[in-house]
């Protein structure tokens, strides 16, 4: 039997104490953050709940708080979310499939992976500058919905690609070998077996990415999303506003009533976000049950 000295025992006890202290510190920080979030949510609910009615949801912005509504921003956010999803999900998932299943492991592939990882940490304001220079001015798309959607798609593409690649990596190689051994091509194996098996994990990354895009304000301000819109956009080339822009506009005004309107707008934004997430989670869970 190995002999353990008293010094080693003391060192082991010291490490255990440090581990318990660190675990307690992490738990305290986590619960403090949750408490602060709860306080903010309660404050927002108290300030904004009284303004939530059909008139608020079905009216355009106004200089008079009692007439102000969020219709243009709500419709603009829904337009923007749909366009971002249509653009970013196919591009992001296709890129992840190519890098993970078809690309050779050479220097070019490693360079692409490194740049994708770096882009995921770039501040959103930089994407706003890029969208202003490329989509608004160079391609002359103007300050339109499509410019905003393309800019926000660039913002969330790294997140979708990284999450999708991790989900694809979790698919066992035995599934690929079985399909290939039965005569399936590489593309048939990827489309019919690898992609469905990785779909739940891919949906998780998509949920996180779209959740980020719906709450971003800085890129939309830079590309010229309007703060006062008295119409509903009817197509991708129309001018628009979004819920974060409208909330920012209201909160910047000195009147207390507009601050309460901003709180009501935050509640609507959270409701839209939760509805989108719930829909995506339902699709993911339904796919998981079908695969099992």
Protein backbone atom coordinates (compact mmCIF):
# COMPACT_ATOMS: atom_id res chain seq x y z
CA UNK A 1 0.00 0.00 0.00
CA UNK A 2 1.39 3.38 -1.00
CA UNK A 3 2.39 5.68 1.83
CA UNK A 4 0.85 9.17 1.82
CA UNK A 5 2.78 11.77 3.77
CA UNK A 6 1.18 14.33 6.04
CA UNK A 7 2.37 17.11 3.73
CA UNK A 8 0.48 15.60 0.80
CA UNK A 9 -2.62 15.22 2.93
CA UNK A 10 -2.43 18.89 3.98
CA UNK A 11 -1.93 19.96 0.36
CA UNK A 12 -4.92 17.86 -0.69
CA UNK A 13 -7.11 19.42 2.01
CA UNK A 14 -5.94 22.89 0.98
CA UNK A 15 -6.88 22.22 -2.64
CA UNK A 16 -10.29 20.95 -1.55
CA UNK A 17 -10.87 24.11 0.48
CA UNK A 18 -9.89 26.27 -2.49
CA UNK A 19 -12.20 24.26 -4.75
CA UNK A 20 -15.13 24.69 -2.35
CA UNK A 21 -14.38 28.41 -2.03
CA UNK A 22 -14.23 28.87 -5.79
CA UNK A 23 -17.44 26.88 -6.27
CA UNK A 24 -19.18 29.02 -3.66
CA UNK A 25 -17.89 32.21 -5.29
CA UNK A 26 -19.18 31.10 -8.71
CA UNK A 27 -22.55 30.21 -7.22
CA UNK A 28 -22.75 33.59 -5.44
CA UNK A 29 -21.93 35.50 -8.63
CA UNK A 30 -24.45 33.46 -10.62
CA UNK A 31 -27.28 33.98 -8.15
CA UNK A 32 -26.43 37.68 -7.83
CA UNK A 33 -26.69 38.04 -11.61
CA UNK A 34 -30.01 36.19 -11.63
CA UNK A 35 -31.26 38.44 -8.83
CA UNK A 36 -30.28 41.60 -10.72
CA UNK A 37 -31.97 40.26 -13.85
CA UNK A 38 -35.11 39.56 -11.84
CA UNK A 39 -35.07 43.08 -10.40
CA UNK A 40 -34.74 44.57 -13.89
CA UNK A 41 -37.56 42.43 -15.24
CA UNK A 42 -39.84 43.37 -12.36
CA UNK A 43 -39.05 47.07 -12.84
CA UNK A 44 -39.74 46.84 -16.57
CA UNK A 45 -43.02 45.00 -15.94
CA UNK A 46 -44.16 47.55 -13.36
CA UNK A 47 -43.35 50.51 -15.61
CA UNK A 48 -44.63 49.14 -18.90
CA UNK A 49 -47.51 46.81 -18.14
CA UNK A 50 -50.09 49.58 -17.92
CA UNK A 51 -49.32 50.72 -21.48
CA UNK A 52 -49.83 47.30 -23.07
CA UNK A 53 -53.09 47.28 -24.97
CA UNK A 54 -54.35 46.95 -28.53
CA UNK A 55 -53.94 50.67 -29.16
CA UNK A 56 -50.23 50.43 -28.26
CA UNK A 57 -49.68 47.43 -30.54
CA UNK A 58 -51.70 48.86 -33.45
CA UNK A 59 -50.53 52.49 -33.48
CA UNK A 60 -47.59 54.24 -35.06
CA UNK A 61 -45.06 56.36 -33.10
CA UNK A 62 -46.22 59.81 -32.05
CA UNK A 63 -44.94 62.89 -30.24
CA UNK A 64 -47.80 62.40 -27.81
CA UNK A 65 -47.24 59.44 -25.46
CA UNK A 66 -50.93 58.56 -25.18
CA UNK A 67 -51.10 58.10 -28.97
CA UNK A 68 -47.74 56.40 -29.47
CA UNK A 69 -47.57 52.77 -30.53
CA UNK A 70 -45.16 50.14 -31.69
CA UNK A 71 -46.81 48.78 -34.84
CA UNK A 72 -44.11 49.89 -37.31
CA UNK A 73 -41.27 48.61 -35.12
CA UNK A 74 -43.01 45.29 -34.44
CA UNK A 75 -43.71 44.60 -38.11
CA UNK A 76 -40.18 45.73 -39.03
CA UNK A 77 -38.68 43.34 -36.47
CA UNK A 78 -40.74 40.43 -37.82
CA UNK A 79 -39.68 41.28 -41.38
CA UNK A 80 -36.05 41.54 -40.31
CA UNK A 81 -36.12 38.25 -38.37
CA UNK A 82 -37.62 36.33 -41.29
CA UNK A 83 -35.13 37.74 -43.80
CA UNK A 84 -32.19 37.08 -41.47
CA UNK A 85 -33.32 33.48 -40.97
CA UNK A 86 -33.83 32.92 -44.71
CA UNK A 87 -30.35 34.29 -45.50
CA UNK A 88 -28.20 33.10 -42.60
CA UNK A 89 -29.46 29.58 -41.89
CA UNK A 90 -28.86 28.05 -45.37
CA UNK A 91 -25.52 29.82 -45.76
CA UNK A 92 -24.31 29.01 -42.26
CA UNK A 93 -25.36 25.34 -42.25
CA UNK A 94 -24.02 24.80 -45.79
CA UNK A 95 -20.68 26.30 -44.80
CA UNK A 96 -20.50 24.08 -41.73
CA UNK A 97 -21.32 20.98 -43.79
CA UNK A 98 -18.68 21.84 -46.37
CA UNK A 99 -15.95 22.49 -43.81
CA UNK A 100 -16.75 19.39 -41.78
CA UNK A 101 -17.66 16.85 -44.47
CA UNK A 102 -16.10 17.87 -47.78
CA UNK A 103 -13.18 20.30 -47.29
CA UNK A 104 -9.67 18.89 -47.23
CA UNK A 105 -7.68 19.46 -44.03
CA UNK A 106 -5.19 21.85 -45.57
CA UNK A 107 -3.90 25.31 -44.82
CA UNK A 108 -6.80 27.02 -46.55
CA UNK A 109 -9.33 25.12 -44.45
CA UNK A 110 -7.48 25.97 -41.25
CA UNK A 111 -7.28 29.64 -42.29
CA UNK A 112 -11.05 29.74 -42.91
CA UNK A 113 -11.74 28.11 -39.53
CA UNK A 114 -9.45 30.57 -37.77
CA UNK A 115 -11.14 33.56 -39.38
CA UNK A 116 -14.61 32.26 -38.53
CA UNK A 117 -13.58 31.86 -34.90
CA UNK A 118 -12.16 35.40 -34.86
CA UNK A 119 -15.27 36.87 -36.51
CA UNK A 120 -17.47 35.45 -33.77
CA UNK A 121 -15.79 37.83 -31.31
CA UNK A 122 -15.94 40.99 -33.42
CA UNK A 123 -18.11 43.76 -31.86
CA UNK A 124 -21.46 44.29 -33.53
CA UNK A 125 -20.64 47.93 -34.31
CA UNK A 126 -17.96 46.73 -36.75
CA UNK A 127 -20.57 44.76 -38.68
CA UNK A 128 -22.68 47.90 -38.79
CA UNK A 129 -19.80 49.81 -40.38
CA UNK A 130 -19.29 46.97 -42.87
CA UNK A 131 -22.99 46.89 -43.74
CA UNK A 132 -23.04 50.66 -44.26
CA UNK A 133 -20.00 50.56 -46.56
CA UNK A 134 -20.89 47.43 -48.55
CA UNK A 135 -24.66 47.01 -48.69
CA UNK A 136 -25.94 50.57 -48.26
CA UNK A 137 -23.34 52.42 -50.34
CA UNK A 138 -21.40 50.00 -52.58
CA UNK A 139 -24.33 47.84 -53.69
CA UNK A 140 -26.66 50.86 -53.36
CA UNK A 141 -29.35 48.95 -51.52
CA UNK A 142 -30.08 52.02 -49.45
CA UNK A 143 -31.31 52.10 -45.89
CA UNK A 144 -33.67 49.22 -46.53
CA UNK A 145 -34.78 46.02 -44.87
CA UNK A 146 -32.55 43.91 -47.08
CA UNK A 147 -29.48 45.95 -46.05
CA UNK A 148 -30.35 45.40 -42.40
CA UNK A 149 -31.01 41.69 -42.94
CA UNK A 150 -27.71 41.16 -44.78
CA UNK A 151 -25.81 43.04 -42.07
CA UNK A 152 -27.42 41.07 -39.26
CA UNK A 153 -26.83 37.84 -41.17
CA UNK A 154 -23.12 38.59 -41.29
CA UNK A 155 -23.25 39.24 -37.56
CA UNK A 156 -24.69 35.84 -36.64
CA UNK A 157 -23.13 33.66 -39.35
CA UNK A 158 -20.02 32.78 -37.29
CA UNK A 159 -22.22 31.60 -34.40
CA UNK A 160 -24.34 29.42 -36.69
CA UNK A 161 -21.29 27.96 -38.44
CA UNK A 162 -19.45 27.12 -35.22
CA UNK A 163 -22.52 25.61 -33.53
CA UNK A 164 -23.43 23.64 -36.64
CA UNK A 165 -19.92 22.23 -36.97
CA UNK A 166 -19.93 21.10 -33.36
CA UNK A 167 -23.30 19.43 -33.89
CA UNK A 168 -22.05 17.66 -37.02
CA UNK A 169 -18.98 16.42 -35.16
CA UNK A 170 -21.21 14.65 -32.63
CA UNK A 171 -22.70 12.40 -35.35
CA UNK A 172 -20.99 8.98 -35.02
CA UNK A 173 -18.71 7.97 -37.87
CA UNK A 174 -20.44 4.58 -37.93
CA UNK A 175 -23.50 6.24 -39.51
CA UNK A 176 -21.36 7.57 -42.33
CA UNK A 177 -19.57 4.24 -42.83
CA UNK A 178 -22.85 2.32 -42.89
CA UNK A 179 -24.36 4.59 -45.55
CA UNK A 180 -21.23 4.57 -47.68
CA UNK A 181 -20.92 0.78 -47.44
CA UNK A 182 -24.46 0.42 -48.82
CA UNK A 183 -23.53 2.42 -51.92
CA UNK A 184 -24.63 5.93 -50.96
CA UNK A 185 -22.59 8.81 -52.29
CA UNK A 186 -20.86 11.30 -50.00
CA UNK A 187 -23.59 13.87 -50.64
CA UNK A 188 -26.41 11.36 -50.06
CA UNK A 189 -24.82 10.30 -46.80
CA UNK A 190 -24.49 13.90 -45.64
CA UNK A 191 -27.99 14.97 -46.70
CA UNK A 192 -29.98 11.90 -45.62
CA UNK A 193 -28.09 10.80 -42.51
CA UNK A 194 -25.57 13.28 -41.11
CA UNK A 195 -27.70 16.42 -41.40
CA UNK A 196 -30.87 14.94 -39.79
CA UNK A 197 -28.83 13.50 -36.93
CA UNK A 198 -27.13 16.87 -36.31
CA UNK A 199 -30.31 18.91 -36.76
CA UNK A 200 -31.19 19.30 -33.04
CA UNK A 201 -27.74 20.69 -32.26
CA UNK A 202 -27.86 22.94 -35.30
CA UNK A 203 -31.22 24.31 -34.16
CA UNK A 204 -29.72 25.17 -30.78
CA UNK A 205 -27.07 27.31 -32.47
CA UNK A 206 -29.68 28.91 -34.72
CA UNK A 207 -31.83 29.81 -31.70
CA UNK A 208 -28.90 31.52 -29.97
CA UNK A 209 -27.90 33.36 -33.13
CA UNK A 210 -31.37 34.65 -33.98
CA UNK A 211 -31.88 35.67 -30.35
CA UNK A 212 -28.79 37.82 -30.64
CA UNK A 213 -29.85 39.38 -33.93
CA UNK A 214 -33.28 40.43 -32.71
CA UNK A 215 -31.84 42.51 -29.86
CA UNK A 216 -28.95 44.24 -31.61
CA UNK A 217 -29.20 48.00 -32.00
CA UNK A 218 -25.78 49.37 -33.03
CA UNK A 219 -25.63 47.83 -36.55
CA UNK A 220 -29.16 49.00 -37.34
CA UNK A 221 -28.37 52.55 -36.22
CA UNK A 222 -25.28 52.64 -38.46
CA UNK A 223 -27.04 51.39 -41.58
CA UNK A 224 -29.75 54.00 -41.05
CA UNK A 225 -32.78 52.29 -39.55
CA UNK A 226 -35.28 55.07 -38.90
CA UNK A 227 -36.32 56.05 -35.38
CA UNK A 228 -39.69 57.46 -36.49
CA UNK A 229 -41.67 55.42 -39.00
CA UNK A 230 -45.37 56.07 -39.61
CA UNK A 231 -45.85 53.22 -42.07
CA UNK A 232 -45.48 49.45 -42.27
CA UNK A 233 -42.79 48.05 -44.61
CA UNK A 234 -44.29 46.02 -47.44
CA UNK A 235 -41.16 44.68 -49.10
CA UNK A 236 -37.41 44.09 -48.60
CA UNK A 237 -36.49 47.41 -50.24
CA UNK A 238 -38.62 49.55 -47.93
CA UNK A 239 -37.28 51.69 -45.10
CA UNK A 240 -37.89 50.27 -41.66
CA UNK A 241 -37.43 50.51 -37.96
CA UNK A 242 -37.12 47.76 -35.35
CA UNK A 243 -38.04 47.26 -31.73
CA UNK A 244 -34.53 47.98 -30.34
CA UNK A 245 -34.39 51.24 -32.33
CA UNK A 246 -37.83 52.33 -31.14
CA UNK A 247 -37.00 51.48 -27.52
CA UNK A 248 -33.73 53.41 -27.80
CA UNK A 249 -35.59 56.41 -29.23
CA UNK A 250 -38.14 56.44 -26.41
CA UNK A 251 -35.64 55.92 -23.60
CA UNK A 252 -33.53 58.85 -24.86
CA UNK A 253 -36.41 61.31 -24.34
CA UNK A 254 -36.74 63.20 -21.06
CA UNK A 255 -40.46 62.60 -20.43
CA UNK A 256 -41.36 59.86 -17.95
CA UNK A 257 -44.21 58.66 -20.17
CA UNK A 258 -41.79 57.77 -22.97
CA UNK A 259 -39.64 55.82 -20.49
CA UNK A 260 -42.73 53.80 -19.59
CA UNK A 261 -43.45 53.29 -23.29
CA UNK A 262 -39.88 52.00 -23.66
CA UNK A 263 -40.55 49.51 -20.85
CA UNK A 264 -43.69 48.34 -22.66
CA UNK A 265 -41.61 47.97 -25.83
CA UNK A 266 -39.09 45.84 -23.93
CA UNK A 267 -41.94 43.55 -22.82
CA UNK A 268 -43.08 43.19 -26.44
CA UNK A 269 -39.50 42.48 -27.56
CA UNK A 270 -39.13 39.80 -24.89
CA UNK A 271 -42.45 38.26 -25.92
CA UNK A 272 -41.38 38.11 -29.59
CA UNK A 273 -38.03 36.62 -28.57
CA UNK A 274 -39.65 33.97 -26.37
CA UNK A 275 -42.16 33.11 -29.10
CA UNK A 276 -39.39 32.63 -31.66
CA UNK A 277 -37.33 30.54 -29.27
CA UNK A 278 -40.32 28.43 -28.29
CA UNK A 279 -41.09 27.73 -31.96
CA UNK A 280 -37.49 26.75 -32.69
CA UNK A 281 -37.31 24.55 -29.57
CA UNK A 282 -40.57 22.83 -30.57
CA UNK A 283 -39.15 22.06 -34.02
CA UNK A 284 -35.92 20.78 -32.47
CA UNK A 285 -37.68 18.53 -29.96
CA UNK A 286 -40.05 17.18 -32.60
CA UNK A 287 -37.06 16.30 -34.78
CA UNK A 288 -35.30 14.59 -31.87
CA UNK A 289 -38.36 12.43 -31.17
CA UNK A 290 -38.66 11.49 -34.83
CA UNK A 291 -34.99 10.47 -34.98
CA UNK A 292 -35.35 8.29 -31.87
